[in-house]
Amino acid sequence: MVENENARRPEPLRVASTATNGVTVVRVSGQIDHASADPLIAALQPDTLGDQRRVIIDMRQVTFLDSTGINILLAGHRDLTPAGWLRLAGARNAVIRTLELVGVDTVIPCYPTLQEALTG
């Protein structure tokens, strides 16, 4: 039996940002791992964010998160905290479990929905 080449490829990471009322919402979909992390890293760079120092990462469509993703989130929190904040919203059960296991949820506020993160 020949395995389909496409079946082994991880879902690509897609990142889209919008800014409204002084908050940047970074919508992420796919897997956040070493091979796919560059778009998320770029979205959290000071040059990309400009004066927007309050950021919510909408994680509803994130299917997997490894240590690379955790490090990106912690670095983003570190870089934004002096003048703003980073919040996570809508992470799926498997992703939120990973965040809880390593204690990210004790450092970065995690909200069940984007709306709660926006008003939190």
N, C-alpha and C. Protein backbone atom coordinates (compact mmCIF):
# COMPACT_ATOMS: atom_id res chain seq x y z
N MET A 1 0.84 -1.18 0.00
CA MET A 1 0.00 0.00 0.00
C MET A 1 0.89 1.25 0.00
N VAL A 2 0.62 2.16 -0.88
CA VAL A 2 1.39 3.39 -0.99
C VAL A 2 0.66 4.49 -0.23
N GLU A 3 1.37 5.15 0.66
CA GLU A 3 0.77 6.24 1.44
C GLU A 3 0.78 7.52 0.61
N ASN A 4 -0.30 8.20 0.63
CA ASN A 4 -0.41 9.46 -0.09
C ASN A 4 0.54 10.48 0.54
N GLU A 5 1.37 11.11 -0.27
CA GLU A 5 2.34 12.11 0.20
C GLU A 5 1.66 13.23 0.97
N ASN A 6 0.51 13.71 0.50
CA ASN A 6 -0.20 14.80 1.16
C ASN A 6 -0.74 14.42 2.52
N ALA A 7 -0.99 13.16 2.76
CA ALA A 7 -1.53 12.72 4.04
C ALA A 7 -0.54 12.93 5.18
N ARG A 8 0.75 12.97 4.85
CA ARG A 8 1.77 13.12 5.89
C ARG A 8 2.15 14.56 6.17
N ARG A 9 1.73 15.47 5.34
CA ARG A 9 2.10 16.87 5.52
C ARG A 9 1.26 17.50 6.63
N PRO A 10 1.90 18.22 7.53
CA PRO A 10 1.12 18.91 8.56
C PRO A 10 0.32 20.06 7.96
N GLU A 11 -0.74 20.39 8.65
CA GLU A 11 -1.56 21.52 8.21
C GLU A 11 -0.72 22.79 8.30
N PRO A 12 -0.65 23.59 7.23
CA PRO A 12 0.16 24.80 7.27
C PRO A 12 -0.42 25.82 8.26
N LEU A 13 0.45 26.62 8.80
CA LEU A 13 0.03 27.66 9.73
C LEU A 13 -0.39 28.89 8.93
N ARG A 14 -1.58 29.37 9.23
CA ARG A 14 -2.07 30.60 8.60
C ARG A 14 -2.30 31.63 9.70
N VAL A 15 -1.87 32.84 9.44
CA VAL A 15 -1.97 33.92 10.41
C VAL A 15 -2.53 35.16 9.71
N ALA A 16 -3.53 35.76 10.33
CA ALA A 16 -4.10 37.01 9.81
C ALA A 16 -4.34 37.94 10.99
N SER A 17 -3.96 39.19 10.83
CA SER A 17 -4.11 40.17 11.92
C SER A 17 -5.07 41.28 11.52
N THR A 18 -5.86 41.71 12.50
CA THR A 18 -6.71 42.89 12.33
C THR A 18 -6.56 43.73 13.58
N ALA A 19 -6.66 45.04 13.42
CA ALA A 19 -6.56 45.95 14.56
C ALA A 19 -7.84 46.75 14.65
N THR A 20 -8.37 46.83 15.87
CA THR A 20 -9.56 47.62 16.10
C THR A 20 -9.56 48.12 17.54
N ASN A 21 -9.91 49.36 17.72
CA ASN A 21 -9.98 49.96 19.06
C ASN A 21 -8.73 49.73 19.90
N GLY A 22 -7.57 49.83 19.27
CA GLY A 22 -6.32 49.70 20.01
C GLY A 22 -5.91 48.28 20.35
N VAL A 23 -6.61 47.28 19.81
CA VAL A 23 -6.28 45.87 20.07
C VAL A 23 -6.03 45.17 18.74
N THR A 24 -4.94 44.45 18.67
CA THR A 24 -4.66 43.62 17.49
C THR A 24 -5.12 42.21 17.78
N VAL A 25 -5.95 41.67 16.91
CA VAL A 25 -6.37 40.27 17.01
C VAL A 25 -5.61 39.50 15.94
N VAL A 26 -4.83 38.52 16.39
CA VAL A 26 -4.06 37.67 15.50
C VAL A 26 -4.79 36.33 15.43
N ARG A 27 -5.40 36.06 14.27
CA ARG A 27 -6.12 34.80 14.08
C ARG A 27 -5.15 33.78 13.51
N VAL A 28 -5.05 32.65 14.21
CA VAL A 28 -4.09 31.62 13.85
C VAL A 28 -4.84 30.33 13.56
N SER A 29 -4.47 29.65 12.48
CA SER A 29 -5.06 28.35 12.20
C SER A 29 -3.99 27.39 11.71
N GLY A 30 -4.12 26.14 12.12
CA GLY A 30 -3.15 25.11 11.76
C GLY A 30 -2.31 24.70 12.95
N GLN A 31 -1.15 24.17 12.67
CA GLN A 31 -0.24 23.67 13.69
C GLN A 31 0.87 24.69 13.95
N ILE A 32 1.13 24.92 15.24
CA ILE A 32 2.24 25.80 15.61
C ILE A 32 3.38 24.91 16.09
N ASP A 33 4.36 24.74 15.22
CA ASP A 33 5.52 23.93 15.57
C ASP A 33 6.76 24.53 14.89
N HIS A 34 7.88 23.87 15.07
CA HIS A 34 9.15 24.39 14.56
C HIS A 34 9.10 24.67 13.05
N ALA A 35 8.46 23.80 12.32
CA ALA A 35 8.44 23.92 10.86
C ALA A 35 7.49 25.00 10.35
N SER A 36 6.54 25.42 11.18
CA SER A 36 5.50 26.33 10.69
C SER A 36 5.44 27.67 11.42
N ALA A 37 6.34 27.92 12.33
CA ALA A 37 6.21 29.03 13.27
C ALA A 37 6.46 30.43 12.69
N ASP A 38 7.13 30.55 11.58
CA ASP A 38 7.55 31.85 11.07
C ASP A 38 6.42 32.88 10.92
N PRO A 39 5.25 32.51 10.38
CA PRO A 39 4.19 33.53 10.26
C PRO A 39 3.73 34.10 11.61
N LEU A 40 3.69 33.28 12.64
CA LEU A 40 3.30 33.77 13.96
C LEU A 40 4.39 34.65 14.55
N ILE A 41 5.62 34.25 14.39
CA ILE A 41 6.74 35.07 14.87
C ILE A 41 6.68 36.45 14.21
N ALA A 42 6.47 36.47 12.90
CA ALA A 42 6.41 37.74 12.17
C ALA A 42 5.24 38.60 12.64
N ALA A 43 4.10 37.98 12.93
CA ALA A 43 2.91 38.74 13.36
C ALA A 43 3.11 39.41 14.71
N LEU A 44 4.00 38.88 15.54
CA LEU A 44 4.22 39.42 16.88
C LEU A 44 5.44 40.35 16.97
N GLN A 45 6.08 40.61 15.85
CA GLN A 45 7.25 41.50 15.84
C GLN A 45 6.83 42.95 16.06
N PRO A 46 7.62 43.73 16.79
CA PRO A 46 7.30 45.14 17.01
C PRO A 46 7.08 45.92 15.72
N ASP A 47 7.86 45.63 14.69
CA ASP A 47 7.69 46.33 13.40
C ASP A 47 6.32 46.05 12.80
N THR A 48 5.84 44.84 12.98
CA THR A 48 4.53 44.46 12.45
C THR A 48 3.41 45.08 13.28
N LEU A 49 3.57 45.08 14.59
CA LEU A 49 2.52 45.58 15.48
C LEU A 49 2.47 47.10 15.55
N GLY A 50 3.59 47.75 15.30
CA GLY A 50 3.62 49.21 15.40
C GLY A 50 3.29 49.66 16.81
N ASP A 51 2.36 50.58 16.94
CA ASP A 51 1.97 51.10 18.26
C ASP A 51 0.96 50.21 18.97
N GLN A 52 0.47 49.19 18.30
CA GLN A 52 -0.51 48.28 18.90
C GLN A 52 0.20 47.34 19.87
N ARG A 53 0.11 47.62 21.14
CA ARG A 53 0.81 46.81 22.15
C ARG A 53 -0.14 45.92 22.95
N ARG A 54 -1.42 45.90 22.56
CA ARG A 54 -2.39 44.99 23.18
C ARG A 54 -2.80 43.99 22.11
N VAL A 55 -2.49 42.71 22.38
CA VAL A 55 -2.65 41.68 21.35
C VAL A 55 -3.42 40.49 21.92
N ILE A 56 -4.37 40.02 21.14
CA ILE A 56 -5.09 38.78 21.45
C ILE A 56 -4.78 37.79 20.33
N ILE A 57 -4.36 36.61 20.71
CA ILE A 57 -4.17 35.55 19.72
C ILE A 57 -5.41 34.66 19.77
N ASP A 58 -6.15 34.67 18.68
CA ASP A 58 -7.35 33.85 18.53
C ASP A 58 -6.90 32.46 18.11
N MET A 59 -7.01 31.49 19.02
CA MET A 59 -6.46 30.16 18.81
C MET A 59 -7.54 29.11 18.51
N ARG A 60 -8.72 29.53 18.13
CA ARG A 60 -9.82 28.59 17.89
C ARG A 60 -9.49 27.55 16.83
N GLN A 61 -8.67 27.91 15.86
CA GLN A 61 -8.35 27.00 14.76
C GLN A 61 -6.95 26.39 14.85
N VAL A 62 -6.32 26.52 16.02
CA VAL A 62 -5.00 25.89 16.22
C VAL A 62 -5.23 24.43 16.59
N THR A 63 -4.65 23.54 15.81
CA THR A 63 -4.86 22.10 16.02
C THR A 63 -3.75 21.43 16.81
N PHE A 64 -2.60 22.10 16.93
CA PHE A 64 -1.46 21.51 17.61
C PHE A 64 -0.51 22.62 18.03
N LEU A 65 0.13 22.44 19.17
CA LEU A 65 1.09 23.41 19.70
C LEU A 65 2.21 22.64 20.37
N ASP A 66 3.45 22.90 19.94
CA ASP A 66 4.58 22.25 20.60
C ASP A 66 5.41 23.28 21.36
N SER A 67 6.60 22.89 21.78
CA SER A 67 7.44 23.79 22.59
C SER A 67 7.83 25.04 21.82
N THR A 68 7.95 24.95 20.52
CA THR A 68 8.25 26.14 19.72
C THR A 68 7.13 27.17 19.88
N GLY A 69 5.90 26.71 19.78
CA GLY A 69 4.76 27.60 19.95
C GLY A 69 4.70 28.19 21.34
N ILE A 70 4.98 27.39 22.33
CA ILE A 70 4.99 27.87 23.71
C ILE A 70 6.04 28.98 23.87
N ASN A 71 7.22 28.76 23.31
CA ASN A 71 8.27 29.77 23.40
C ASN A 71 7.90 31.05 22.68
N ILE A 72 7.21 30.95 21.55
CA ILE A 72 6.76 32.14 20.83
C ILE A 72 5.77 32.92 21.68
N LEU A 73 4.83 32.22 22.30
CA LEU A 73 3.83 32.89 23.15
C LEU A 73 4.50 33.58 24.33
N LEU A 74 5.42 32.90 24.98
CA LEU A 74 6.10 33.50 26.13
C LEU A 74 6.96 34.69 25.73
N ALA A 75 7.63 34.61 24.59
CA ALA A 75 8.43 35.74 24.10
C ALA A 75 7.52 36.92 23.75
N GLY A 76 6.39 36.62 23.13
CA GLY A 76 5.43 37.69 22.81
C GLY A 76 4.92 38.37 24.07
N HIS A 77 4.62 37.58 25.07
CA HIS A 77 4.17 38.13 26.36
C HIS A 77 5.26 39.02 26.96
N ARG A 78 6.47 38.53 26.96
CA ARG A 78 7.60 39.29 27.50
C ARG A 78 7.78 40.61 26.76
N ASP A 79 7.70 40.57 25.46
CA ASP A 79 7.94 41.77 24.65
C ASP A 79 6.81 42.78 24.75
N LEU A 80 5.58 42.32 24.95
CA LEU A 80 4.43 43.22 24.97
C LEU A 80 4.09 43.76 26.35
N THR A 81 4.44 43.04 27.38
CA THR A 81 4.00 43.37 28.73
C THR A 81 4.42 44.74 29.25
N PRO A 82 5.59 45.22 28.99
CA PRO A 82 5.92 46.52 29.57
C PRO A 82 4.94 47.64 29.19
N ALA A 83 4.44 47.62 27.96
CA ALA A 83 3.58 48.71 27.51
C ALA A 83 2.18 48.24 27.11
N GLY A 84 1.92 46.96 27.24
CA GLY A 84 0.63 46.41 26.81
C GLY A 84 0.40 45.04 27.40
N TRP A 85 -0.21 44.15 26.61
CA TRP A 85 -0.47 42.80 27.09
C TRP A 85 -0.70 41.83 25.93
N LEU A 86 -0.62 40.54 26.27
CA LEU A 86 -0.93 39.46 25.35
C LEU A 86 -1.97 38.59 26.02
N ARG A 87 -3.02 38.24 25.29
CA ARG A 87 -4.06 37.33 25.77
C ARG A 87 -4.27 36.25 24.73
N LEU A 88 -4.67 35.07 25.21
CA LEU A 88 -5.01 33.97 24.32
C LEU A 88 -6.50 33.71 24.40
N ALA A 89 -7.11 33.37 23.27
CA ALA A 89 -8.55 33.17 23.25
C ALA A 89 -8.92 31.92 22.47
N GLY A 90 -9.89 31.18 23.00
CA GLY A 90 -10.55 30.10 22.29
C GLY A 90 -9.75 28.86 21.99
N ALA A 91 -8.70 28.59 22.74
CA ALA A 91 -7.88 27.40 22.47
C ALA A 91 -8.71 26.13 22.65
N ARG A 92 -8.51 25.19 21.75
CA ARG A 92 -9.17 23.88 21.82
C ARG A 92 -8.66 23.13 23.04
N ASN A 93 -9.41 22.11 23.44
CA ASN A 93 -9.07 21.35 24.65
C ASN A 93 -7.64 20.81 24.63
N ALA A 94 -7.21 20.22 23.52
CA ALA A 94 -5.85 19.65 23.46
C ALA A 94 -4.79 20.74 23.61
N VAL A 95 -5.03 21.90 23.01
CA VAL A 95 -4.06 22.99 23.08
C VAL A 95 -4.07 23.61 24.47
N ILE A 96 -5.25 23.83 25.04
CA ILE A 96 -5.31 24.42 26.38
C ILE A 96 -4.68 23.48 27.40
N ARG A 97 -4.83 22.19 27.19
CA ARG A 97 -4.20 21.21 28.09
C ARG A 97 -2.69 21.36 28.04
N THR A 98 -2.13 21.51 26.86
CA THR A 98 -0.68 21.73 26.73
C THR A 98 -0.27 23.01 27.45
N LEU A 99 -1.03 24.08 27.25
CA LEU A 99 -0.72 25.35 27.91
C LEU A 99 -0.77 25.20 29.43
N GLU A 100 -1.74 24.45 29.93
CA GLU A 100 -1.87 24.23 31.37
C GLU A 100 -0.75 23.36 31.92
N LEU A 101 -0.38 22.32 31.17
CA LEU A 101 0.67 21.40 31.64
C LEU A 101 2.00 22.11 31.87
N VAL A 102 2.32 23.08 31.03
CA VAL A 102 3.60 23.78 31.17
C VAL A 102 3.46 25.10 31.92
N GLY A 103 2.25 25.45 32.32
CA GLY A 103 2.04 26.64 33.13
C GLY A 103 1.89 27.95 32.38
N VAL A 104 1.75 27.90 31.06
CA VAL A 104 1.59 29.13 30.30
C VAL A 104 0.34 29.89 30.75
N ASP A 105 -0.70 29.15 31.10
CA ASP A 105 -1.96 29.78 31.52
C ASP A 105 -1.81 30.58 32.82
N THR A 106 -0.75 30.36 33.56
CA THR A 106 -0.51 31.14 34.78
C THR A 106 0.27 32.43 34.48
N VAL A 107 0.83 32.52 33.28
CA VAL A 107 1.61 33.68 32.87
C VAL A 107 0.83 34.56 31.89
N ILE A 108 0.17 33.92 30.93
CA ILE A 108 -0.60 34.62 29.91
C ILE A 108 -2.07 34.34 30.13
N PRO A 109 -2.89 35.36 30.28
CA PRO A 109 -4.33 35.12 30.48
C PRO A 109 -4.94 34.38 29.28
N CYS A 110 -5.69 33.33 29.59
CA CYS A 110 -6.37 32.51 28.59
C CYS A 110 -7.88 32.66 28.77
N TYR A 111 -8.57 32.97 27.70
CA TYR A 111 -10.01 33.17 27.74
C TYR A 111 -10.70 32.14 26.85
N PRO A 112 -11.88 31.68 27.26
CA PRO A 112 -12.57 30.68 26.45
C PRO A 112 -13.04 31.20 25.09
N THR A 113 -13.32 32.49 25.00
CA THR A 113 -13.81 33.07 23.74
C THR A 113 -13.07 34.35 23.40
N LEU A 114 -13.12 34.71 22.14
CA LEU A 114 -12.51 35.96 21.71
C LEU A 114 -13.22 37.14 22.36
N GLN A 115 -14.53 37.10 22.44
CA GLN A 115 -15.28 38.20 23.04
C GLN A 115 -14.87 38.43 24.49
N GLU A 116 -14.67 37.35 25.25
CA GLU A 116 -14.23 37.49 26.65
C GLU A 116 -12.82 38.06 26.72
N ALA A 117 -11.97 37.70 25.79
CA ALA A 117 -10.61 38.25 25.77
C ALA A 117 -10.64 39.75 25.44
N LEU A 118 -11.54 40.14 24.56
CA LEU A 118 -11.65 41.54 24.19
C LEU A 118 -12.15 42.41 25.35
N THR A 119 -13.01 41.86 26.18
CA THR A 119 -13.58 42.63 27.29
C THR A 119 -12.89 42.36 28.61
N GLY A 120 -11.98 41.38 28.65
CA GLY A 120 -11.34 40.94 29.88
C GLY A 120 -10.43 41.87 30.54
